[in-house]
Amino acid sequence: MITVIGNTGINFNAAAGSGVTVALVGWLIVFAALVLLVIVFTQVPKLIYYNSRKLHKQKTKQSIVTDDDLHIAGDVSAAISTALYLFFDEMHDEESNVITIKRVRKIYSPWSSKIYGLRTWPGK
């Protein structure tokens, strides 16, 4: 199969046999995914910051919102995170912390017998 791009003919059958095409497509997919992740991770905080400034403007009816209006102190963040941790920790059931060990009589089975182990040579 020869595809003509402009005036140049490219034979893709020769490249497909060696696996170069698959490798290049794989590299391009991974590189595109990494670029997309970089864009997402750099733009999402900016969108959140913009949205919080916009909501703060609507609530307070101010024309200009400074960074001090949106800043949350470290001790307040620590108190909120501690409260959330304790709240989600209490959602689990309390257990009695008692371990009961009962002896169970095992029925003989040749599948679990130790006399048929591989330490002895078979066929004596």
PDB file of N, CA and C in Angstrom:
ATOM      1  N   MET A   1       0.857  -1.179   0.000  1.00  0.00           N
ATOM      2  CA  MET A   1       0.000   0.000   0.000  1.00  0.00           C
ATOM      3  C   MET A   1       0.896   1.232   0.000  1.00  0.00           C
ATOM      4  N   ILE A   2       0.720   2.059  -0.971  1.00  0.00           N
ATOM      5  CA  ILE A   2       1.510   3.280  -1.073  1.00  0.00           C
ATOM      6  C   ILE A   2       0.559   4.459  -0.959  1.00  0.00           C
ATOM      7  N   THR A   3       0.832   5.321   0.001  1.00  0.00           N
ATOM      8  CA  THR A   3       0.036   6.519   0.193  1.00  0.00           C
ATOM      9  C   THR A   3       0.862   7.705  -0.274  1.00  0.00           C
ATOM     10  N   VAL A   4       0.253   8.536  -1.049  1.00  0.00           N
ATOM     11  CA  VAL A   4       0.965   9.689  -1.580  1.00  0.00           C
ATOM     12  C   VAL A   4       0.615  10.907  -0.733  1.00  0.00           C
ATOM     13  N   ILE A   5       1.638  11.478  -0.100  1.00  0.00           N
ATOM     14  CA  ILE A   5       1.482  12.710   0.661  1.00  0.00           C
ATOM     15  C   ILE A   5       2.266  13.766  -0.087  1.00  0.00           C
ATOM     16  N   GLY A   6       1.543  14.676  -0.673  1.00  0.00           N
ATOM     17  CA  GLY A   6       2.203  15.674  -1.515  1.00  0.00           C
ATOM     18  C   GLY A   6       2.763  14.975  -2.739  1.00  0.00           C
ATOM     19  N   ASN A   7       4.043  15.114  -2.979  1.00  0.00           N
ATOM     20  CA  ASN A   7       4.695  14.455  -4.102  1.00  0.00           C
ATOM     21  C   ASN A   7       5.526  13.262  -3.650  1.00  0.00           C
ATOM     22  N   THR A   8       5.503  12.940  -2.365  1.00  0.00           N
ATOM     23  CA  THR A   8       6.348  11.884  -1.831  1.00  0.00           C
ATOM     24  C   THR A   8       5.525  10.625  -1.617  1.00  0.00           C
ATOM     25  N   GLY A   9       5.967   9.504  -2.120  1.00  0.00           N
ATOM     26  CA  GLY A   9       5.308   8.219  -1.895  1.00  0.00           C
ATOM     27  C   GLY A   9       5.959   7.517  -0.710  1.00  0.00           C
ATOM     28  N   ILE A  10       5.148   7.040   0.230  1.00  0.00           N
ATOM     29  CA  ILE A  10       5.664   6.375   1.419  1.00  0.00           C
ATOM     30  C   ILE A  10       5.120   4.957   1.437  1.00  0.00           C
ATOM     31  N   ASN A  11       5.994   3.992   1.610  1.00  0.00           N
ATOM     32  CA  ASN A  11       5.591   2.602   1.677  1.00  0.00           C
ATOM     33  C   ASN A  11       5.450   2.214   3.150  1.00  0.00           C
ATOM     34  N   PHE A  12       4.201   2.079   3.639  1.00  0.00           N
ATOM     35  CA  PHE A  12       3.968   1.756   5.037  1.00  0.00           C
ATOM     36  C   PHE A  12       4.142   0.270   5.322  1.00  0.00           C
ATOM     37  N   ASN A  13       4.075  -0.566   4.321  1.00  0.00           N
ATOM     38  CA  ASN A  13       4.248  -1.999   4.539  1.00  0.00           C
ATOM     39  C   ASN A  13       5.655  -2.330   5.009  1.00  0.00           C
ATOM     40  N   ALA A  14       6.637  -1.622   4.521  1.00  0.00           N
ATOM     41  CA  ALA A  14       8.014  -1.875   4.935  1.00  0.00           C
ATOM     42  C   ALA A  14       8.234  -1.468   6.395  1.00  0.00           C
ATOM     43  N   ALA A  15       7.615  -0.383   6.813  1.00  0.00           N
ATOM     44  CA  ALA A  15       7.783   0.082   8.197  1.00  0.00           C
ATOM     45  C   ALA A  15       6.977  -0.755   9.168  1.00  0.00           C
ATOM     46  N   ALA A  16       5.821  -1.294   8.730  1.00  0.00           N
ATOM     47  CA  ALA A  16       4.967  -2.070   9.630  1.00  0.00           C
ATOM     48  C   ALA A  16       5.604  -3.397   9.979  1.00  0.00           C
ATOM     49  N   GLY A  17       6.398  -3.930   9.107  1.00  0.00           N
ATOM     50  CA  GLY A  17       7.032  -5.213   9.373  1.00  0.00           C
ATOM     51  C   GLY A  17       8.040  -5.153  10.490  1.00  0.00           C
ATOM     52  N   SER A  18       8.678  -4.038  10.680  1.00  0.00           N
ATOM     53  CA  SER A  18       9.713  -3.945  11.704  1.00  0.00           C
ATOM     54  C   SER A  18       9.176  -3.459  13.046  1.00  0.00           C
ATOM     55  N   GLY A  19       7.929  -3.045  13.109  1.00  0.00           N
ATOM     56  CA  GLY A  19       7.349  -2.594  14.372  1.00  0.00           C
ATOM     57  C   GLY A  19       7.618  -1.139  14.693  1.00  0.00           C
ATOM     58  N   VAL A  20       8.206  -0.415  13.782  1.00  0.00           N
ATOM     59  CA  VAL A  20       8.510   0.995  14.018  1.00  0.00           C
ATOM     60  C   VAL A  20       7.224   1.807  14.140  1.00  0.00           C
ATOM     61  N   THR A  21       6.252   1.482  13.322  1.00  0.00           N
ATOM     62  CA  THR A  21       4.991   2.230  13.349  1.00  0.00           C
ATOM     63  C   THR A  21       4.291   2.065  14.697  1.00  0.00           C
ATOM     64  N   VAL A  22       4.252   0.836  15.185  1.00  0.00           N
ATOM     65  CA  VAL A  22       3.610   0.576  16.478  1.00  0.00           C
ATOM     66  C   VAL A  22       4.344   1.306  17.592  1.00  0.00           C
ATOM     67  N   ALA A  23       5.652   1.299  17.542  1.00  0.00           N
ATOM     68  CA  ALA A  23       6.443   1.988  18.570  1.00  0.00           C
ATOM     69  C   ALA A  23       6.202   3.497  18.522  1.00  0.00           C
ATOM     70  N   LEU A  24       6.181   4.060  17.318  1.00  0.00           N
ATOM     71  CA  LEU A  24       5.967   5.505  17.202  1.00  0.00           C
ATOM     72  C   LEU A  24       4.568   5.904  17.667  1.00  0.00           C
ATOM     73  N   VAL A  25       3.564   5.126  17.299  1.00  0.00           N
ATOM     74  CA  VAL A  25       2.207   5.435  17.740  1.00  0.00           C
ATOM     75  C   VAL A  25       2.111   5.331  19.256  1.00  0.00           C
ATOM     76  N   GLY A  26       2.735   4.318  19.833  1.00  0.00           N
ATOM     77  CA  GLY A  26       2.747   4.182  21.293  1.00  0.00           C
ATOM     78  C   GLY A  26       3.401   5.365  21.975  1.00  0.00           C
ATOM     79  N   TRP A  27       4.543   5.783  21.461  1.00  0.00           N
ATOM     80  CA  TRP A  27       5.243   6.947  22.021  1.00  0.00           C
ATOM     81  C   TRP A  27       4.384   8.199  21.913  1.00  0.00           C
ATOM     82  N   LEU A  28       3.748   8.382  20.779  1.00  0.00           N
ATOM     83  CA  LEU A  28       2.912   9.573  20.599  1.00  0.00           C
ATOM     84  C   LEU A  28       1.713   9.571  21.538  1.00  0.00           C
ATOM     85  N   ILE A  29       1.107   8.422  21.759  1.00  0.00           N
ATOM     86  CA  ILE A  29      -0.032   8.345  22.673  1.00  0.00           C
ATOM     87  C   ILE A  29       0.406   8.677  24.094  1.00  0.00           C
ATOM     88  N   VAL A  30       1.513   8.107  24.539  1.00  0.00           N
ATOM     89  CA  VAL A  30       2.009   8.376  25.895  1.00  0.00           C
ATOM     90  C   VAL A  30       2.395   9.841  26.040  1.00  0.00           C
ATOM     91  N   PHE A  31       3.080  10.390  25.057  1.00  0.00           N
ATOM     92  CA  PHE A  31       3.493  11.794  25.124  1.00  0.00           C
ATOM     93  C   PHE A  31       2.284  12.728  25.153  1.00  0.00           C
ATOM     94  N   ALA A  32       1.273  12.422  24.332  1.00  0.00           N
ATOM     95  CA  ALA A  32       0.052  13.238  24.323  1.00  0.00           C
ATOM     96  C   ALA A  32      -0.670  13.154  25.667  1.00  0.00           C
ATOM     97  N   ALA A  33      -0.708  11.965  26.265  1.00  0.00           N
ATOM     98  CA  ALA A  33      -1.357  11.819  27.570  1.00  0.00           C
ATOM     99  C   ALA A  33      -0.608  12.616  28.636  1.00  0.00           C
ATOM    100  N   LEU A  34       0.710  12.605  28.604  1.00  0.00           N
ATOM    101  CA  LEU A  34       1.495  13.374  29.578  1.00  0.00           C
ATOM    102  C   LEU A  34       1.298  14.881  29.405  1.00  0.00           C
ATOM    103  N   VAL A  35       1.246  15.327  28.169  1.00  0.00           N
ATOM    104  CA  VAL A  35       0.998  16.754  27.912  1.00  0.00           C
ATOM    105  C   VAL A  35      -0.385  17.152  28.421  1.00  0.00           C
ATOM    106  N   LEU A  36      -1.366  16.305  28.177  1.00  0.00           N
ATOM    107  CA  LEU A  36      -2.722  16.569  28.665  1.00  0.00           C
ATOM    108  C   LEU A  36      -2.762  16.625  30.193  1.00  0.00           C
ATOM    109  N   LEU A  37      -2.054  15.728  30.865  1.00  0.00           N
ATOM    110  CA  LEU A  37      -2.009  15.754  32.335  1.00  0.00           C
ATOM    111  C   LEU A  37      -1.337  17.017  32.859  1.00  0.00           C
ATOM    112  N   VAL A  38      -0.278  17.453  32.207  1.00  0.00           N
ATOM    113  CA  VAL A  38       0.392  18.691  32.624  1.00  0.00           C
ATOM    114  C   VAL A  38      -0.559  19.868  32.487  1.00  0.00           C
ATOM    115  N   ILE A  39      -1.281  19.923  31.386  1.00  0.00           N
ATOM    116  CA  ILE A  39      -2.238  21.021  31.176  1.00  0.00           C
ATOM    117  C   ILE A  39      -3.329  20.988  32.239  1.00  0.00           C
ATOM    118  N   VAL A  40      -3.856  19.808  32.521  1.00  0.00           N
ATOM    119  CA  VAL A  40      -4.919  19.693  33.528  1.00  0.00           C
ATOM    120  C   VAL A  40      -4.412  20.108  34.899  1.00  0.00           C
ATOM    121  N   PHE A  41      -3.225  19.604  35.299  1.00  0.00           N
ATOM    122  CA  PHE A  41      -2.724  19.904  36.636  1.00  0.00           C
ATOM    123  C   PHE A  41      -2.298  21.353  36.808  1.00  0.00           C
ATOM    124  N   THR A  42      -1.957  22.036  35.731  1.00  0.00           N
ATOM    125  CA  THR A  42      -1.593  23.449  35.870  1.00  0.00           C
ATOM    126  C   THR A  42      -2.804  24.371  35.783  1.00  0.00           C
ATOM    127  N   GLN A  43      -3.849  23.959  35.065  1.00  0.00           N
ATOM    128  CA  GLN A  43      -4.990  24.851  34.862  1.00  0.00           C
ATOM    129  C   GLN A  43      -6.101  24.684  35.895  1.00  0.00           C
ATOM    130  N   VAL A  44      -6.254  23.517  36.489  1.00  0.00           N
ATOM    131  CA  VAL A  44      -7.338  23.302  37.456  1.00  0.00           C
ATOM    132  C   VAL A  44      -7.211  24.217  38.677  1.00  0.00           C
ATOM    133  N   PRO A  45      -6.026  24.391  39.274  1.00  0.00           N
ATOM    134  CA  PRO A  45      -5.943  25.337  40.410  1.00  0.00           C
ATOM    135  C   PRO A  45      -6.301  26.768  40.016  1.00  0.00           C
ATOM    136  N   LYS A  46      -5.935  27.166  38.810  1.00  0.00           N
ATOM    137  CA  LYS A  46      -6.289  28.517  38.358  1.00  0.00           C
ATOM    138  C   LYS A  46      -7.799  28.668  38.201  1.00  0.00           C
ATOM    139  N   LEU A  47      -8.457  27.632  37.676  1.00  0.00           N
ATOM    140  CA  LEU A  47      -9.916  27.682  37.533  1.00  0.00           C
ATOM    141  C   LEU A  47     -10.606  27.712  38.890  1.00  0.00           C
ATOM    142  N   ILE A  48     -10.104  26.940  39.840  1.00  0.00           N
ATOM    143  CA  ILE A  48     -10.697  26.946  41.190  1.00  0.00           C
ATOM    144  C   ILE A  48     -10.513  28.310  41.838  1.00  0.00           C
ATOM    145  N   TYR A  49      -9.319  28.890  41.694  1.00  0.00           N
ATOM    146  CA  TYR A  49      -9.047  30.208  42.270  1.00  0.00           C
ATOM    147  C   TYR A  49      -9.954  31.259  41.643  1.00  0.00           C
ATOM    148  N   TYR A  50     -10.119  31.208  40.326  1.00  0.00           N
ATOM    149  CA  TYR A  50     -10.984  32.168  39.638  1.00  0.00           C
ATOM    150  C   TYR A  50     -12.431  32.009  40.095  1.00  0.00           C
ATOM    151  N   ASN A  51     -12.883  30.767  40.222  1.00  0.00           N
ATOM    152  CA  ASN A  51     -14.260  30.516  40.639  1.00  0.00           C
ATOM    153  C   ASN A  51     -14.504  30.975  42.082  1.00  0.00           C
ATOM    154  N   SER A  52     -13.532  30.767  42.967  1.00  0.00           N
ATOM    155  CA  SER A  52     -13.712  31.208  44.350  1.00  0.00           C
ATOM    156  C   SER A  52     -13.720  32.739  44.451  1.00  0.00           C
ATOM    157  N   ARG A  53     -12.905  33.409  43.650  1.00  0.00           N
ATOM    158  CA  ARG A  53     -12.937  34.890  43.642  1.00  0.00           C
ATOM    159  C   ARG A  53     -14.290  35.388  43.139  1.00  0.00           C
ATOM    160  N   LYS A  54     -14.813  34.740  42.107  1.00  0.00           N
ATOM    161  CA  LYS A  54     -16.096  35.138  41.541  1.00  0.00           C
ATOM    162  C   LYS A  54     -17.226  34.939  42.559  1.00  0.00           C
ATOM    163  N   LEU A  55     -17.226  33.805  43.254  1.00  0.00           N
ATOM    164  CA  LEU A  55     -18.254  33.559  44.271  1.00  0.00           C
ATOM    165  C   LEU A  55     -18.137  34.532  45.442  1.00  0.00           C
ATOM    166  N   HIS A  56     -16.893  34.845  45.819  1.00  0.00           N
ATOM    167  CA  HIS A  56     -16.698  35.793  46.921  1.00  0.00           C
ATOM    168  C   HIS A  56     -17.178  37.191  46.532  1.00  0.00           C
ATOM    169  N   LYS A  57     -16.972  37.572  45.274  1.00  0.00           N
ATOM    170  CA  LYS A  57     -17.473  38.872  44.805  1.00  0.00           C
ATOM    171  C   LYS A  57     -18.992  38.932  44.876  1.00  0.00           C
ATOM    172  N   GLN A  58     -19.649  37.854  44.485  1.00  0.00           N
ATOM    173  CA  GLN A  58     -21.111  37.828  44.501  1.00  0.00           C
ATOM    174  C   GLN A  58     -21.664  37.863  45.914  1.00  0.00           C
ATOM    175  N   LYS A  59     -20.995  37.197  46.848  1.00  0.00           N
ATOM    176  CA  LYS A  59     -21.501  37.141  48.222  1.00  0.00           C
ATOM    177  C   LYS A  59     -21.298  38.457  48.955  1.00  0.00           C
ATOM    178  N   THR A  60     -20.157  39.087  48.750  1.00  0.00           N
ATOM    179  CA  THR A  60     -19.839  40.297  49.514  1.00  0.00           C
ATOM    180  C   THR A  60     -20.171  41.582  48.776  1.00  0.00           C
ATOM    181  N   LYS A  61     -20.543  41.504  47.526  1.00  0.00           N
ATOM    182  CA  LYS A  61     -20.890  42.670  46.705  1.00  0.00           C
ATOM    183  C   LYS A  61     -19.728  43.656  46.583  1.00  0.00           C
ATOM    184  N   GLN A  62     -18.498  43.114  46.601  1.00  0.00           N
ATOM    185  CA  GLN A  62     -17.319  43.958  46.432  1.00  0.00           C
ATOM    186  C   GLN A  62     -16.917  43.936  44.965  1.00  0.00           C
ATOM    187  N   SER A  63     -16.318  45.030  44.533  1.00  0.00           N
ATOM    188  CA  SER A  63     -15.860  45.077  43.144  1.00  0.00           C
ATOM    189  C   SER A  63     -14.471  44.470  43.009  1.00  0.00           C
ATOM    190  N   ILE A  64     -13.666  44.554  44.074  1.00  0.00           N
ATOM    191  CA  ILE A  64     -12.312  44.012  44.042  1.00  0.00           C
ATOM    192  C   ILE A  64     -12.140  43.053  45.219  1.00  0.00           C
ATOM    193  N   VAL A  65     -11.652  41.868  44.934  1.00  0.00           N
ATOM    194  CA  VAL A  65     -11.394  40.865  45.975  1.00  0.00           C
ATOM    195  C   VAL A  65      -9.890  40.669  46.054  1.00  0.00           C
ATOM    196  N   THR A  66      -9.337  40.825  47.240  1.00  0.00           N
ATOM    197  CA  THR A  66      -7.898  40.646  47.427  1.00  0.00           C
ATOM    198  C   THR A  66      -7.609  39.213  47.859  1.00  0.00           C
ATOM    199  N   ASP A  67      -6.335  38.876  47.844  1.00  0.00           N
ATOM    200  CA  ASP A  67      -5.934  37.525  48.261  1.00  0.00           C
ATOM    201  C   ASP A  67      -6.155  37.314  49.756  1.00  0.00           C
ATOM    202  N   ASP A  68      -6.112  38.380  50.546  1.00  0.00           N
ATOM    203  CA  ASP A  68      -6.336  38.248  51.986  1.00  0.00           C
ATOM    204  C   ASP A  68      -7.773  37.826  52.293  1.00  0.00           C
ATOM    205  N   ASP A  69      -8.703  38.188  51.425  1.00  0.00           N
ATOM    206  CA  ASP A  69     -10.092  37.789  51.634  1.00  0.00           C
ATOM    207  C   ASP A  69     -10.276  36.287  51.436  1.00  0.00           C
ATOM    208  N   LEU A  70      -9.470  35.690  50.570  1.00  0.00           N
ATOM    209  CA  LEU A  70      -9.608  34.273  50.254  1.00  0.00           C
ATOM    210  C   LEU A  70      -8.674  33.382  51.070  1.00  0.00           C
ATOM    211  N   HIS A  71      -7.767  33.974  51.831  1.00  0.00           N
ATOM    212  CA  HIS A  71      -6.769  33.198  52.567  1.00  0.00           C
ATOM    213  C   HIS A  71      -7.392  32.543  53.803  1.00  0.00           C
ATOM    214  N   ILE A  72      -7.069  31.267  54.017  1.00  0.00           N
ATOM    215  CA  ILE A  72      -7.497  30.545  55.215  1.00  0.00           C
ATOM    216  C   ILE A  72      -6.249  30.262  56.031  1.00  0.00           C
ATOM    217  N   ALA A  73      -6.279  30.606  57.309  1.00  0.00           N
ATOM    218  CA  ALA A  73      -5.114  30.446  58.174  1.00  0.00           C
ATOM    219  C   ALA A  73      -4.795  28.965  58.367  1.00  0.00           C
ATOM    220  N   GLY A  74      -3.553  28.686  58.718  1.00  0.00           N
ATOM    221  CA  GLY A  74      -3.107  27.310  58.895  1.00  0.00           C
ATOM    222  C   GLY A  74      -3.800  26.589  60.030  1.00  0.00           C
ATOM    223  N   ASP A  75      -4.052  27.310  61.146  1.00  0.00           N
ATOM    224  CA  ASP A  75      -4.716  26.657  62.271  1.00  0.00           C
ATOM    225  C   ASP A  75      -6.162  26.305  61.937  1.00  0.00           C
ATOM    226  N   VAL A  76      -6.811  27.109  61.113  1.00  0.00           N
ATOM    227  CA  VAL A  76      -8.190  26.803  60.699  1.00  0.00           C
ATOM    228  C   VAL A  76      -8.182  25.577  59.786  1.00  0.00           C
ATOM    229  N   SER A  77      -7.220  25.498  58.870  1.00  0.00           N
ATOM    230  CA  SER A  77      -7.106  24.325  57.991  1.00  0.00           C
ATOM    231  C   SER A  77      -6.839  23.065  58.801  1.00  0.00           C
ATOM    232  N   ALA A  78      -5.978  23.182  59.837  1.00  0.00           N
ATOM    233  CA  ALA A  78      -5.679  22.023  60.679  1.00  0.00           C
ATOM    234  C   ALA A  78      -6.913  21.587  61.461  1.00  0.00           C
ATOM    235  N   ALA A  79      -7.702  22.533  61.964  1.00  0.00           N
ATOM    236  CA  ALA A  79      -8.912  22.191  62.712  1.00  0.00           C
ATOM    237  C   ALA A  79      -9.941  21.516  61.801  1.00  0.00           C
ATOM    238  N   ILE A  80     -10.083  22.003  60.590  1.00  0.00           N
ATOM    239  CA  ILE A  80     -11.034  21.403  59.647  1.00  0.00           C
ATOM    240  C   ILE A  80     -10.601  19.983  59.285  1.00  0.00           C
ATOM    241  N   SER A  81      -9.318  19.797  58.993  1.00  0.00           N
ATOM    242  CA  SER A  81      -8.841  18.467  58.613  1.00  0.00           C
ATOM    243  C   SER A  81      -8.931  17.484  59.776  1.00  0.00           C
ATOM    244  N   THR A  82      -8.683  17.951  61.015  1.00  0.00           N
ATOM    245  CA  THR A  82      -8.824  17.081  62.181  1.00  0.00           C
ATOM    246  C   THR A  82     -10.279  16.679  62.385  1.00  0.00           C
ATOM    247  N   ALA A  83     -11.192  17.622  62.221  1.00  0.00           N
ATOM    248  CA  ALA A  83     -12.612  17.311  62.375  1.00  0.00           C
ATOM    249  C   ALA A  83     -13.073  16.313  61.320  1.00  0.00           C
ATOM    250  N   LEU A  84     -12.624  16.485  60.079  1.00  0.00           N
ATOM    251  CA  LEU A  84     -12.993  15.539  59.024  1.00  0.00           C
ATOM    252  C   LEU A  84     -12.417  14.153  59.289  1.00  0.00           C
ATOM    253  N   TYR A  85     -11.171  14.089  59.777  1.00  0.00           N
ATOM    254  CA  TYR A  85     -10.556  12.801  60.090  1.00  0.00           C
ATOM    255  C   TYR A  85     -11.325  12.088  61.191  1.00  0.00           C
ATOM    256  N   LEU A  86     -11.660  12.805  62.253  1.00  0.00           N
ATOM    257  CA  LEU A  86     -12.393  12.190  63.352  1.00  0.00           C
ATOM    258  C   LEU A  86     -13.798  11.778  62.930  1.00  0.00           C
ATOM    259  N   PHE A  87     -14.437  12.557  62.087  1.00  0.00           N
ATOM    260  CA  PHE A  87     -15.778  12.222  61.613  1.00  0.00           C
ATOM    261  C   PHE A  87     -15.769  10.936  60.795  1.00  0.00           C
ATOM    262  N   PHE A  88     -14.819  10.829  59.857  1.00  0.00           N
ATOM    263  CA  PHE A  88     -14.774   9.643  59.012  1.00  0.00           C
ATOM    264  C   PHE A  88     -14.237   8.433  59.768  1.00  0.00           C
ATOM    265  N   ASP A  89     -13.453   8.648  60.823  1.00  0.00           N
ATOM    266  CA  ASP A  89     -12.943   7.539  61.623  1.00  0.00           C
ATOM    267  C   ASP A  89     -14.055   6.917  62.467  1.00  0.00           C
ATOM    268  N   GLU A  90     -15.046   7.705  62.889  1.00  0.00           N
ATOM    269  CA  GLU A  90     -16.130   7.204  63.719  1.00  0.00           C
ATOM    270  C   GLU A  90     -17.170   6.432  62.920  1.00  0.00           C
ATOM    271  N   MET A  91     -17.083   6.457  61.611  1.00  0.00           N
ATOM    272  CA  MET A  91     -18.068   5.772  60.798  1.00  0.00           C
ATOM    273  C   MET A  91     -17.896   4.256  60.838  1.00  0.00           C
ATOM    274  N   HIS A  92     -16.750   3.772  61.318  1.00  0.00           N
ATOM    275  CA  HIS A  92     -16.521   2.330  61.389  1.00  0.00           C
ATOM    276  C   HIS A  92     -17.163   1.763  62.651  1.00  0.00           C
ATOM    277  N   ASP A  93     -17.534   0.493  62.577  1.00  0.00           N
ATOM    278  CA  ASP A  93     -18.133  -0.165  63.723  1.00  0.00           C
ATOM    279  C   ASP A  93     -17.078  -0.435  64.791  1.00  0.00           C
ATOM    280  N   GLU A  94     -17.505  -0.359  66.038  1.00  0.00           N
ATOM    281  CA  GLU A  94     -16.619  -0.727  67.140  1.00  0.00           C
ATOM    282  C   GLU A  94     -16.578  -2.247  67.231  1.00  0.00           C
ATOM    283  N   GLU A  95     -15.389  -2.771  67.445  1.00  0.00           N
ATOM    284  CA  GLU A  95     -15.249  -4.206  67.551  1.00  0.00           C
ATOM    285  C   GLU A  95     -14.907  -4.570  68.984  1.00  0.00           C
ATOM    286  N   SER A  96     -15.160  -5.815  69.353  1.00  0.00           N
ATOM    287  CA  SER A  96     -14.979  -6.232  70.739  1.00  0.00           C
ATOM    288  C   SER A  96     -13.523  -6.471  71.092  1.00  0.00           C
ATOM    289  N   ASN A  97     -12.640  -6.594  70.127  1.00  0.00           N
ATOM    290  CA  ASN A  97     -11.216  -6.839  70.333  1.00  0.00           C
ATOM    291  C   ASN A  97     -10.949  -8.140  71.071  1.00  0.00           C
ATOM    292  N   VAL A  98     -11.830  -9.121  70.944  1.00  0.00           N
ATOM    293  CA  VAL A  98     -11.656 -10.435  71.533  1.00  0.00           C
ATOM    294  C   VAL A  98     -11.450 -11.429  70.398  1.00  0.00           C
ATOM    295  N   ILE A  99     -10.372 -12.183  70.505  1.00  0.00           N
ATOM    296  CA  ILE A  99     -10.079 -13.182  69.487  1.00  0.00           C
ATOM    297  C   ILE A  99     -10.411 -14.547  70.068  1.00  0.00           C
ATOM    298  N   THR A 100     -11.219 -15.303  69.371  1.00  0.00           N
ATOM    299  CA  THR A 100     -11.599 -16.638  69.808  1.00  0.00           C
ATOM    300  C   THR A 100     -10.955 -17.655  68.885  1.00  0.00           C
ATOM    301  N   ILE A 101     -10.232 -18.593  69.492  1.00  0.00           N
ATOM    302  CA  ILE A 101      -9.583 -19.640  68.716  1.00  0.00           C
ATOM    303  C   ILE A 101     -10.277 -20.952  69.054  1.00  0.00           C
ATOM    304  N   LYS A 102     -10.849 -21.581  68.077  1.00  0.00           N
ATOM    305  CA  LYS A 102     -11.525 -22.863  68.256  1.00  0.00           C
ATOM    306  C   LYS A 102     -10.752 -23.938  67.510  1.00  0.00           C
ATOM    307  N   ARG A 103     -10.582 -25.077  68.180  1.00  0.00           N
ATOM    308  CA  ARG A 103      -9.924 -26.189  67.511  1.00  0.00           C
ATOM    309  C   ARG A 103     -10.934 -26.881  66.621  1.00  0.00           C
ATOM    310  N   VAL A 104     -10.529 -27.132  65.410  1.00  0.00           N
ATOM    311  CA  VAL A 104     -11.398 -27.795  64.456  1.00  0.00           C
ATOM    312  C   VAL A 104     -10.757 -29.122  64.093  1.00  0.00           C
ATOM    313  N   ARG A 105     -11.508 -30.192  64.225  1.00  0.00           N
ATOM    314  CA  ARG A 105     -10.987 -31.502  63.866  1.00  0.00           C
ATOM    315  C   ARG A 105     -10.975 -31.627  62.344  1.00  0.00           C
ATOM    316  N   LYS A 106      -9.807 -31.929  61.822  1.00  0.00           N
ATOM    317  CA  LYS A 106      -9.664 -32.044  60.378  1.00  0.00           C
ATOM    318  C   LYS A 106      -9.903 -33.482  59.954  1.00  0.00           C
ATOM    319  N   ILE A 107     -10.613 -33.630  58.899  1.00  0.00           N
ATOM    320  CA  ILE A 107     -10.855 -34.944  58.320  1.00  0.00           C
ATOM    321  C   ILE A 107      -9.637 -35.311  57.484  1.00  0.00           C
ATOM    322  N   TYR A 108      -9.211 -36.580  57.584  1.00  0.00           N
ATOM    323  CA  TYR A 108      -8.045 -37.021  56.844  1.00  0.00           C
ATOM    324  C   TYR A 108      -8.296 -36.950  55.339  1.00  0.00           C
ATOM    325  N   SER A 109      -7.314 -36.428  54.652  1.00  0.00           N
ATOM    326  CA  SER A 109      -7.369 -36.365  53.207  1.00  0.00           C
ATOM    327  C   SER A 109      -5.983 -36.673  52.670  1.00  0.00           C
ATOM    328  N   PRO A 110      -5.868 -37.577  51.719  1.00  0.00           N
ATOM    329  CA  PRO A 110      -4.537 -37.863  51.177  1.00  0.00           C
ATOM    330  C   PRO A 110      -3.934 -36.675  50.431  1.00  0.00           C
ATOM    331  N   TRP A 111      -4.746 -35.715  50.068  1.00  0.00           N
ATOM    332  CA  TRP A 111      -4.230 -34.538  49.371  1.00  0.00           C
ATOM    333  C   TRP A 111      -3.400 -33.667  50.293  1.00  0.00           C
ATOM    334  N   SER A 112      -3.702 -33.693  51.583  1.00  0.00           N
ATOM    335  CA  SER A 112      -2.943 -32.864  52.516  1.00  0.00           C
ATOM    336  C   SER A 112      -2.012 -33.692  53.392  1.00  0.00           C
ATOM    337  N   SER A 113      -1.820 -34.951  53.055  1.00  0.00           N
ATOM    338  CA  SER A 113      -0.986 -35.820  53.865  1.00  0.00           C
ATOM    339  C   SER A 113       0.483 -35.492  53.647  1.00  0.00           C
ATOM    340  N   LYS A 114       1.242 -35.492  54.740  1.00  0.00           N
ATOM    341  CA  LYS A 114       2.657 -35.159  54.646  1.00  0.00           C
ATOM    342  C   LYS A 114       3.518 -36.365  54.254  1.00  0.00           C
ATOM    343  N   ILE A 115       2.966 -37.566  54.329  1.00  0.00           N
ATOM    344  CA  ILE A 115       3.782 -38.718  53.972  1.00  0.00           C
ATOM    345  C   ILE A 115       4.016 -38.801  52.477  1.00  0.00           C
ATOM    346  N   TYR A 116       3.212 -38.102  51.705  1.00  0.00           N
ATOM    347  CA  TYR A 116       3.389 -38.102  50.256  1.00  0.00           C
ATOM    348  C   TYR A 116       4.179 -36.889  49.774  1.00  0.00           C
ATOM    349  N   GLY A 117       4.965 -36.315  50.647  1.00  0.00           N
ATOM    350  CA  GLY A 117       5.756 -35.151  50.293  1.00  0.00           C
ATOM    351  C   GLY A 117       6.844 -35.495  49.294  1.00  0.00           C
ATOM    352  N   LEU A 118       7.512 -34.510  48.752  1.00  0.00           N
ATOM    353  CA  LEU A 118       8.508 -34.716  47.715  1.00  0.00           C
ATOM    354  C   LEU A 118       9.918 -34.848  48.272  1.00  0.00           C
ATOM    355  N   ARG A 119      10.056 -35.021  49.579  1.00  0.00           N
ATOM    356  CA  ARG A 119      11.403 -35.159  50.131  1.00  0.00           C
ATOM    357  C   ARG A 119      11.968 -36.562  49.907  1.00  0.00           C
ATOM    358  N   THR A 120      11.089 -37.513  49.727  1.00  0.00           N
ATOM    359  CA  THR A 120      11.564 -38.866  49.448  1.00  0.00           C
ATOM    360  C   THR A 120      11.439 -39.128  47.950  1.00  0.00           C
ATOM    361  N   TRP A 121      12.344 -39.977  47.450  1.00  0.00           N
ATOM    362  CA  TRP A 121      12.319 -40.277  46.030  1.00  0.00           C
ATOM    363  C   TRP A 121      11.181 -41.252  45.755  1.00  0.00           C
ATOM    364  N   PRO A 122      10.356 -40.947  44.770  1.00  0.00           N
ATOM    365  CA  PRO A 122       9.285 -41.889  44.425  1.00  0.00           C
ATOM    366  C   PRO A 122       9.844 -43.119  43.714  1.00  0.00           C
ATOM    367  N   GLY A 123       9.149 -44.235  43.842  1.00  0.00           N
ATOM    368  CA  GLY A 123       9.529 -45.458  43.115  1.00  0.00           C
ATOM    369  C   GLY A 123      10.624 -46.257  43.775  1.00  0.00           C
ATOM    370  N   LYS A 124      10.636 -46.351  45.096  1.00  0.00           N
ATOM    371  CA  LYS A 124      11.647 -47.169  45.762  1.00  0.00           C
ATOM    372  C   LYS A 124      11.354 -48.619  45.612  1.00  0.00           C
TER     373      LYS A 124
END
